[in-house]
Amino acid sequence: MLIPKKVKHRKWQKGRSRKRKVETRGTELSYGQFGLKAMGSSWLTSRQIEAGRKTITNFLKRSGRLWIRVFPDKPITLQAPEKTLGGGKGSVDHYVFPVKPGRIIYEIDGVAAETAKEALHRASFKLPFKCKVVTK
């Protein structure tokens, strides 16, 4: 599970949608030959990132190299389900990464093209938005 070691503020505000609806950073392949690009927007939890990583490494049989280009650093708070209203903001439950369309999530190098595309395609089923496989 990916969680930050130290954060400046323990609880964040939710944040609202800005004018920019597509990603401007992290849209090009930097490390590998093949990548998985997000086509939709959503919050990507640390569990979903880990599920995709396990799927890719299992399919590649630990050959090649894998880079994860996102890190969940936004804390999400939850109140207990039985709790009544009032009492302030809940405690931190998990961490997410807000994804916008165009962001590269995973990159792969060192394997055949068909193998890399199939591994990334399988990992896309673990993510909460549509993805496409891109090549350099």
N, C-alpha and C. Protein backbone atom coordinates (compact mmCIF):
# COMPACT_ATOMS: atom_id res chain seq x y z
N MET A 1 0.84 -1.18 0.00
CA MET A 1 0.00 0.00 0.00
C MET A 1 0.89 1.24 0.00
N LEU A 2 0.56 2.17 -0.86
CA LEU A 2 1.31 3.40 -0.96
C LEU A 2 0.68 4.47 -0.07
N ILE A 3 1.43 4.92 0.91
CA ILE A 3 1.00 6.04 1.74
C ILE A 3 2.20 6.94 1.98
N PRO A 4 1.97 8.24 2.13
CA PRO A 4 3.10 9.13 2.38
C PRO A 4 3.67 8.93 3.78
N LYS A 5 5.00 9.09 3.90
CA LYS A 5 5.64 8.96 5.21
C LYS A 5 5.31 10.14 6.10
N LYS A 6 5.29 11.33 5.51
CA LYS A 6 5.07 12.53 6.28
C LYS A 6 4.30 13.53 5.42
N VAL A 7 3.32 14.20 6.00
CA VAL A 7 2.55 15.19 5.27
C VAL A 7 2.54 16.50 6.05
N LYS A 8 2.45 17.61 5.34
CA LYS A 8 2.43 18.91 6.00
C LYS A 8 1.11 19.13 6.73
N HIS A 9 0.01 18.79 6.06
CA HIS A 9 -1.31 18.91 6.66
C HIS A 9 -1.97 17.54 6.67
N ARG A 10 -2.43 17.11 7.84
CA ARG A 10 -2.99 15.77 7.99
C ARG A 10 -4.30 15.61 7.23
N LYS A 11 -5.15 16.65 7.24
CA LYS A 11 -6.43 16.59 6.55
C LYS A 11 -6.50 17.70 5.52
N TRP A 12 -6.95 17.37 4.31
CA TRP A 12 -7.09 18.35 3.23
C TRP A 12 -8.56 18.64 3.00
N GLN A 13 -8.81 19.79 2.33
CA GLN A 13 -10.15 20.05 1.84
C GLN A 13 -10.34 19.28 0.54
N LYS A 14 -11.59 19.08 0.18
CA LYS A 14 -11.90 18.22 -0.97
C LYS A 14 -11.38 18.76 -2.28
N GLY A 15 -11.47 20.08 -2.50
CA GLY A 15 -11.04 20.64 -3.77
C GLY A 15 -12.16 20.57 -4.79
N ARG A 16 -12.20 21.52 -5.68
CA ARG A 16 -13.24 21.56 -6.70
C ARG A 16 -12.62 21.54 -8.07
N SER A 17 -13.43 21.26 -9.07
CA SER A 17 -12.95 21.20 -10.44
C SER A 17 -12.53 22.59 -10.90
N ARG A 18 -11.40 22.67 -11.53
CA ARG A 18 -10.91 23.93 -12.07
C ARG A 18 -11.23 24.00 -13.56
N LYS A 19 -10.78 25.05 -14.23
CA LYS A 19 -11.04 25.17 -15.66
C LYS A 19 -10.32 24.10 -16.46
N ARG A 20 -9.13 23.71 -15.99
CA ARG A 20 -8.34 22.73 -16.72
C ARG A 20 -8.95 21.34 -16.54
N LYS A 21 -9.47 20.78 -17.61
CA LYS A 21 -10.12 19.47 -17.53
C LYS A 21 -9.21 18.34 -17.98
N VAL A 22 -8.06 18.68 -18.59
CA VAL A 22 -7.11 17.65 -19.01
C VAL A 22 -5.79 17.91 -18.31
N GLU A 23 -4.98 16.88 -18.22
CA GLU A 23 -3.70 16.96 -17.55
C GLU A 23 -2.67 17.66 -18.41
N THR A 24 -1.81 18.44 -17.78
CA THR A 24 -0.72 19.09 -18.51
C THR A 24 0.63 18.51 -18.12
N ARG A 25 0.71 17.84 -16.98
CA ARG A 25 1.95 17.22 -16.55
C ARG A 25 1.82 15.71 -16.60
N GLY A 26 2.92 15.01 -16.87
CA GLY A 26 2.91 13.55 -16.86
C GLY A 26 2.14 12.94 -17.99
N THR A 27 2.15 13.59 -19.17
CA THR A 27 1.37 13.08 -20.30
C THR A 27 2.23 12.36 -21.33
N GLU A 28 3.54 12.40 -21.19
CA GLU A 28 4.45 11.75 -22.15
C GLU A 28 5.20 10.61 -21.46
N LEU A 29 5.60 9.62 -22.24
CA LEU A 29 6.41 8.52 -21.72
C LEU A 29 7.81 9.05 -21.42
N SER A 30 8.30 8.81 -20.21
CA SER A 30 9.61 9.30 -19.81
C SER A 30 10.61 8.18 -19.58
N TYR A 31 10.16 7.02 -19.12
CA TYR A 31 11.08 5.98 -18.70
C TYR A 31 11.02 4.75 -19.60
N GLY A 32 9.83 4.28 -19.95
CA GLY A 32 9.69 3.04 -20.69
C GLY A 32 9.24 3.25 -22.12
N GLN A 33 9.08 2.14 -22.83
CA GLN A 33 8.63 2.15 -24.22
C GLN A 33 7.11 2.10 -24.32
N PHE A 34 6.46 1.52 -23.32
CA PHE A 34 5.01 1.34 -23.34
C PHE A 34 4.41 1.93 -22.07
N GLY A 35 3.23 2.50 -22.19
CA GLY A 35 2.60 3.11 -21.03
C GLY A 35 1.10 2.97 -21.06
N LEU A 36 0.47 3.19 -19.91
CA LEU A 36 -0.98 3.16 -19.78
C LEU A 36 -1.45 4.58 -19.48
N LYS A 37 -2.22 5.14 -20.40
CA LYS A 37 -2.67 6.52 -20.30
C LYS A 37 -4.14 6.57 -19.90
N ALA A 38 -4.47 7.43 -18.94
CA ALA A 38 -5.84 7.59 -18.47
C ALA A 38 -6.65 8.39 -19.49
N MET A 39 -7.85 7.93 -19.80
CA MET A 39 -8.75 8.63 -20.71
C MET A 39 -9.91 9.29 -19.97
N GLY A 40 -10.02 9.01 -18.69
CA GLY A 40 -11.08 9.61 -17.88
C GLY A 40 -10.50 10.19 -16.61
N SER A 41 -11.36 10.75 -15.78
CA SER A 41 -10.89 11.33 -14.54
C SER A 41 -11.56 10.63 -13.36
N SER A 42 -10.78 10.48 -12.31
CA SER A 42 -11.28 9.83 -11.10
C SER A 42 -10.23 9.96 -10.01
N TRP A 43 -10.60 9.57 -8.80
CA TRP A 43 -9.63 9.42 -7.73
C TRP A 43 -9.08 8.01 -7.80
N LEU A 44 -7.78 7.87 -7.87
CA LEU A 44 -7.11 6.58 -7.93
C LEU A 44 -6.57 6.25 -6.54
N THR A 45 -7.11 5.21 -5.90
CA THR A 45 -6.70 4.87 -4.55
C THR A 45 -5.41 4.07 -4.57
N SER A 46 -4.77 3.99 -3.41
CA SER A 46 -3.52 3.23 -3.32
C SER A 46 -3.78 1.74 -3.53
N ARG A 47 -4.96 1.27 -3.18
CA ARG A 47 -5.29 -0.15 -3.41
C ARG A 47 -5.42 -0.46 -4.91
N GLN A 48 -6.00 0.47 -5.66
CA GLN A 48 -6.14 0.26 -7.10
C GLN A 48 -4.78 0.30 -7.80
N ILE A 49 -3.90 1.19 -7.37
CA ILE A 49 -2.55 1.25 -7.93
C ILE A 49 -1.82 -0.05 -7.66
N GLU A 50 -1.93 -0.56 -6.45
CA GLU A 50 -1.27 -1.81 -6.08
C GLU A 50 -1.86 -3.00 -6.84
N ALA A 51 -3.16 -3.02 -7.06
CA ALA A 51 -3.79 -4.11 -7.81
C ALA A 51 -3.29 -4.13 -9.25
N GLY A 52 -3.17 -2.96 -9.87
CA GLY A 52 -2.63 -2.89 -11.22
C GLY A 52 -1.18 -3.31 -11.29
N ARG A 53 -0.39 -2.90 -10.28
CA ARG A 53 1.02 -3.30 -10.25
C ARG A 53 1.17 -4.80 -10.11
N LYS A 54 0.37 -5.43 -9.26
CA LYS A 54 0.44 -6.88 -9.09
C LYS A 54 0.05 -7.60 -10.38
N THR A 55 -0.95 -7.09 -11.06
CA THR A 55 -1.39 -7.70 -12.32
C THR A 55 -0.28 -7.65 -13.37
N ILE A 56 0.37 -6.50 -13.48
CA ILE A 56 1.44 -6.35 -14.48
C ILE A 56 2.62 -7.24 -14.15
N THR A 57 3.09 -7.22 -12.90
CA THR A 57 4.26 -8.02 -12.54
C THR A 57 3.97 -9.51 -12.63
N ASN A 58 2.74 -9.91 -12.32
CA ASN A 58 2.39 -11.32 -12.44
C ASN A 58 2.39 -11.76 -13.90
N PHE A 59 1.87 -10.91 -14.79
CA PHE A 59 1.81 -11.29 -16.20
C PHE A 59 3.21 -11.28 -16.83
N LEU A 60 4.05 -10.36 -16.42
CA LEU A 60 5.40 -10.26 -16.99
C LEU A 60 6.36 -11.28 -16.40
N LYS A 61 5.93 -12.01 -15.37
CA LYS A 61 6.78 -13.01 -14.69
C LYS A 61 8.08 -12.39 -14.20
N ARG A 62 8.00 -11.16 -13.70
CA ARG A 62 9.11 -10.39 -13.16
C ARG A 62 10.21 -10.12 -14.17
N SER A 63 9.89 -10.13 -15.44
CA SER A 63 10.87 -9.71 -16.46
C SER A 63 10.55 -8.27 -16.85
N GLY A 64 11.54 -7.58 -17.40
CA GLY A 64 11.32 -6.20 -17.79
C GLY A 64 11.36 -5.26 -16.59
N ARG A 65 10.95 -4.05 -16.80
CA ARG A 65 11.00 -3.00 -15.78
C ARG A 65 9.67 -2.27 -15.75
N LEU A 66 9.21 -1.93 -14.56
CA LEU A 66 7.92 -1.26 -14.38
C LEU A 66 8.12 0.02 -13.59
N TRP A 67 7.51 1.10 -14.06
CA TRP A 67 7.51 2.38 -13.34
C TRP A 67 6.07 2.77 -13.04
N ILE A 68 5.82 3.21 -11.81
CA ILE A 68 4.52 3.74 -11.42
C ILE A 68 4.67 5.25 -11.38
N ARG A 69 3.91 5.95 -12.22
CA ARG A 69 4.09 7.39 -12.39
C ARG A 69 3.17 8.24 -11.51
N VAL A 70 2.38 7.61 -10.66
CA VAL A 70 1.49 8.37 -9.77
C VAL A 70 1.75 7.93 -8.33
N PHE A 71 1.50 8.84 -7.40
CA PHE A 71 1.63 8.52 -5.98
C PHE A 71 0.45 9.13 -5.23
N PRO A 72 -0.27 8.33 -4.44
CA PRO A 72 -1.43 8.85 -3.72
C PRO A 72 -1.01 9.66 -2.49
N ASP A 73 -1.21 10.97 -2.54
CA ASP A 73 -0.82 11.81 -1.41
C ASP A 73 -1.98 12.65 -0.89
N LYS A 74 -3.16 12.50 -1.44
CA LYS A 74 -4.33 13.27 -0.99
C LYS A 74 -5.09 12.46 0.05
N PRO A 75 -5.17 12.91 1.30
CA PRO A 75 -5.87 12.14 2.32
C PRO A 75 -7.39 12.29 2.21
N ILE A 76 -8.08 11.19 2.35
CA ILE A 76 -9.54 11.15 2.32
C ILE A 76 -10.02 10.75 3.71
N THR A 77 -10.90 11.56 4.29
CA THR A 77 -11.40 11.30 5.64
C THR A 77 -12.80 10.72 5.58
N LEU A 78 -13.11 9.89 6.56
CA LEU A 78 -14.43 9.29 6.67
C LEU A 78 -14.87 9.28 8.12
N GLN A 79 -16.15 9.49 8.32
CA GLN A 79 -16.74 9.32 9.64
C GLN A 79 -17.25 7.88 9.76
N ALA A 80 -17.43 7.42 10.97
CA ALA A 80 -18.00 6.10 11.19
C ALA A 80 -19.43 6.07 10.66
N PRO A 81 -19.89 4.95 10.08
CA PRO A 81 -21.23 4.91 9.48
C PRO A 81 -22.35 5.13 10.48
N GLU A 82 -22.19 4.74 11.74
CA GLU A 82 -23.28 4.85 12.73
C GLU A 82 -23.29 6.21 13.41
N LYS A 83 -22.31 7.04 13.13
CA LYS A 83 -22.16 8.31 13.85
C LYS A 83 -23.20 9.32 13.40
N THR A 84 -23.69 10.12 14.36
CA THR A 84 -24.65 11.17 14.01
C THR A 84 -23.92 12.40 13.50
N LEU A 85 -24.69 13.35 12.95
CA LEU A 85 -24.09 14.56 12.39
C LEU A 85 -23.46 15.41 13.48
N GLY A 86 -22.50 16.22 13.08
CA GLY A 86 -21.75 17.02 14.04
C GLY A 86 -20.52 16.26 14.50
N GLY A 87 -19.68 16.94 15.24
CA GLY A 87 -18.50 16.26 15.75
C GLY A 87 -17.28 16.48 14.90
N GLY A 88 -17.39 17.29 13.86
CA GLY A 88 -16.21 17.65 13.08
C GLY A 88 -15.88 16.69 11.97
N LYS A 89 -14.70 16.92 11.39
CA LYS A 89 -14.23 16.13 10.25
C LYS A 89 -13.71 14.79 10.75
N GLY A 90 -13.92 13.76 9.98
CA GLY A 90 -13.51 12.42 10.37
C GLY A 90 -12.01 12.23 10.29
N SER A 91 -11.56 11.03 10.66
CA SER A 91 -10.14 10.71 10.62
C SER A 91 -9.76 10.25 9.21
N VAL A 92 -8.47 10.30 8.92
CA VAL A 92 -7.98 9.92 7.59
C VAL A 92 -8.19 8.42 7.40
N ASP A 93 -8.85 8.05 6.31
CA ASP A 93 -9.16 6.65 6.02
C ASP A 93 -8.19 6.06 5.00
N HIS A 94 -7.97 6.77 3.89
CA HIS A 94 -7.07 6.29 2.86
C HIS A 94 -6.54 7.46 2.05
N TYR A 95 -5.65 7.17 1.10
CA TYR A 95 -5.05 8.21 0.27
C TYR A 95 -5.37 7.95 -1.19
N VAL A 96 -5.52 9.03 -1.96
CA VAL A 96 -5.87 8.92 -3.38
C VAL A 96 -4.96 9.84 -4.20
N PHE A 97 -4.96 9.59 -5.52
CA PHE A 97 -4.32 10.49 -6.47
C PHE A 97 -5.39 10.95 -7.45
N PRO A 98 -5.69 12.25 -7.54
CA PRO A 98 -6.70 12.71 -8.50
C PRO A 98 -6.16 12.66 -9.92
N VAL A 99 -6.75 11.82 -10.76
CA VAL A 99 -6.30 11.62 -12.13
C VAL A 99 -7.18 12.42 -13.07
N LYS A 100 -6.55 13.10 -14.03
CA LYS A 100 -7.28 13.78 -15.10
C LYS A 100 -6.92 13.09 -16.41
N PRO A 101 -7.73 13.26 -17.45
CA PRO A 101 -7.44 12.61 -18.73
C PRO A 101 -6.07 13.03 -19.27
N GLY A 102 -5.31 12.03 -19.76
CA GLY A 102 -4.01 12.28 -20.35
C GLY A 102 -2.85 11.87 -19.49
N ARG A 103 -3.07 11.53 -18.23
CA ARG A 103 -1.99 11.19 -17.31
C ARG A 103 -1.50 9.76 -17.56
N ILE A 104 -0.18 9.59 -17.58
CA ILE A 104 0.42 8.26 -17.68
C ILE A 104 0.43 7.64 -16.29
N ILE A 105 -0.09 6.41 -16.16
CA ILE A 105 -0.18 5.75 -14.86
C ILE A 105 1.00 4.79 -14.67
N TYR A 106 1.21 3.88 -15.62
CA TYR A 106 2.30 2.91 -15.56
C TYR A 106 3.14 3.01 -16.82
N GLU A 107 4.42 2.62 -16.70
CA GLU A 107 5.30 2.49 -17.86
C GLU A 107 6.06 1.18 -17.76
N ILE A 108 6.31 0.55 -18.92
CA ILE A 108 6.99 -0.74 -18.99
C ILE A 108 8.09 -0.65 -20.03
N ASP A 109 9.20 -1.34 -19.76
CA ASP A 109 10.28 -1.45 -20.74
C ASP A 109 10.98 -2.79 -20.54
N GLY A 110 11.63 -3.27 -21.58
CA GLY A 110 12.42 -4.49 -21.48
C GLY A 110 11.68 -5.77 -21.81
N VAL A 111 10.48 -5.68 -22.39
CA VAL A 111 9.73 -6.87 -22.78
C VAL A 111 9.22 -6.68 -24.21
N ALA A 112 8.71 -7.77 -24.80
CA ALA A 112 8.17 -7.70 -26.16
C ALA A 112 6.93 -6.82 -26.19
N ALA A 113 6.63 -6.29 -27.37
CA ALA A 113 5.52 -5.35 -27.52
C ALA A 113 4.18 -6.00 -27.19
N GLU A 114 3.95 -7.22 -27.68
CA GLU A 114 2.67 -7.89 -27.43
C GLU A 114 2.48 -8.17 -25.94
N THR A 115 3.57 -8.61 -25.28
CA THR A 115 3.50 -8.91 -23.86
C THR A 115 3.20 -7.65 -23.05
N ALA A 116 3.88 -6.56 -23.37
CA ALA A 116 3.67 -5.31 -22.64
C ALA A 116 2.25 -4.79 -22.84
N LYS A 117 1.75 -4.84 -24.07
CA LYS A 117 0.39 -4.35 -24.33
C LYS A 117 -0.66 -5.17 -23.60
N GLU A 118 -0.46 -6.49 -23.57
CA GLU A 118 -1.42 -7.36 -22.88
C GLU A 118 -1.38 -7.12 -21.37
N ALA A 119 -0.19 -6.94 -20.81
CA ALA A 119 -0.06 -6.69 -19.37
C ALA A 119 -0.73 -5.37 -19.00
N LEU A 120 -0.51 -4.32 -19.78
CA LEU A 120 -1.13 -3.03 -19.49
C LEU A 120 -2.64 -3.07 -19.69
N HIS A 121 -3.08 -3.85 -20.69
CA HIS A 121 -4.52 -3.99 -20.93
C HIS A 121 -5.20 -4.67 -19.74
N ARG A 122 -4.55 -5.68 -19.18
CA ARG A 122 -5.11 -6.36 -18.01
C ARG A 122 -5.13 -5.44 -16.79
N ALA A 123 -4.10 -4.60 -16.66
CA ALA A 123 -4.06 -3.67 -15.53
C ALA A 123 -5.14 -2.61 -15.65
N SER A 124 -5.55 -2.29 -16.89
CA SER A 124 -6.58 -1.25 -17.06
C SER A 124 -7.93 -1.69 -16.49
N PHE A 125 -8.16 -2.99 -16.35
CA PHE A 125 -9.41 -3.47 -15.76
C PHE A 125 -9.48 -3.19 -14.27
N LYS A 126 -8.34 -2.95 -13.63
CA LYS A 126 -8.30 -2.69 -12.20
C LYS A 126 -8.50 -1.21 -11.87
N LEU A 127 -8.52 -0.36 -12.88
CA LEU A 127 -8.61 1.08 -12.65
C LEU A 127 -10.04 1.58 -12.88
N PRO A 128 -10.45 2.66 -12.21
CA PRO A 128 -11.84 3.11 -12.27
C PRO A 128 -12.17 4.02 -13.45
N PHE A 129 -11.32 4.06 -14.48
CA PHE A 129 -11.58 4.88 -15.65
C PHE A 129 -11.06 4.16 -16.88
N LYS A 130 -11.45 4.62 -18.05
CA LYS A 130 -10.98 4.02 -19.29
C LYS A 130 -9.53 4.42 -19.54
N CYS A 131 -8.77 3.49 -20.10
CA CYS A 131 -7.35 3.72 -20.36
C CYS A 131 -7.02 3.25 -21.77
N LYS A 132 -5.86 3.71 -22.28
CA LYS A 132 -5.36 3.18 -23.53
C LYS A 132 -3.87 2.96 -23.40
N VAL A 133 -3.37 1.99 -24.15
CA VAL A 133 -1.95 1.67 -24.15
C VAL A 133 -1.27 2.55 -25.17
N VAL A 134 -0.19 3.24 -24.78
CA VAL A 134 0.54 4.11 -25.69
C VAL A 134 1.96 3.59 -25.80
N THR A 135 2.58 3.87 -26.95
CA THR A 135 3.97 3.47 -27.19
C THR A 135 4.78 4.70 -27.56
N LYS A 136 6.07 4.59 -27.36
CA LYS A 136 6.97 5.70 -27.65
C LYS A 136 7.21 5.83 -29.15
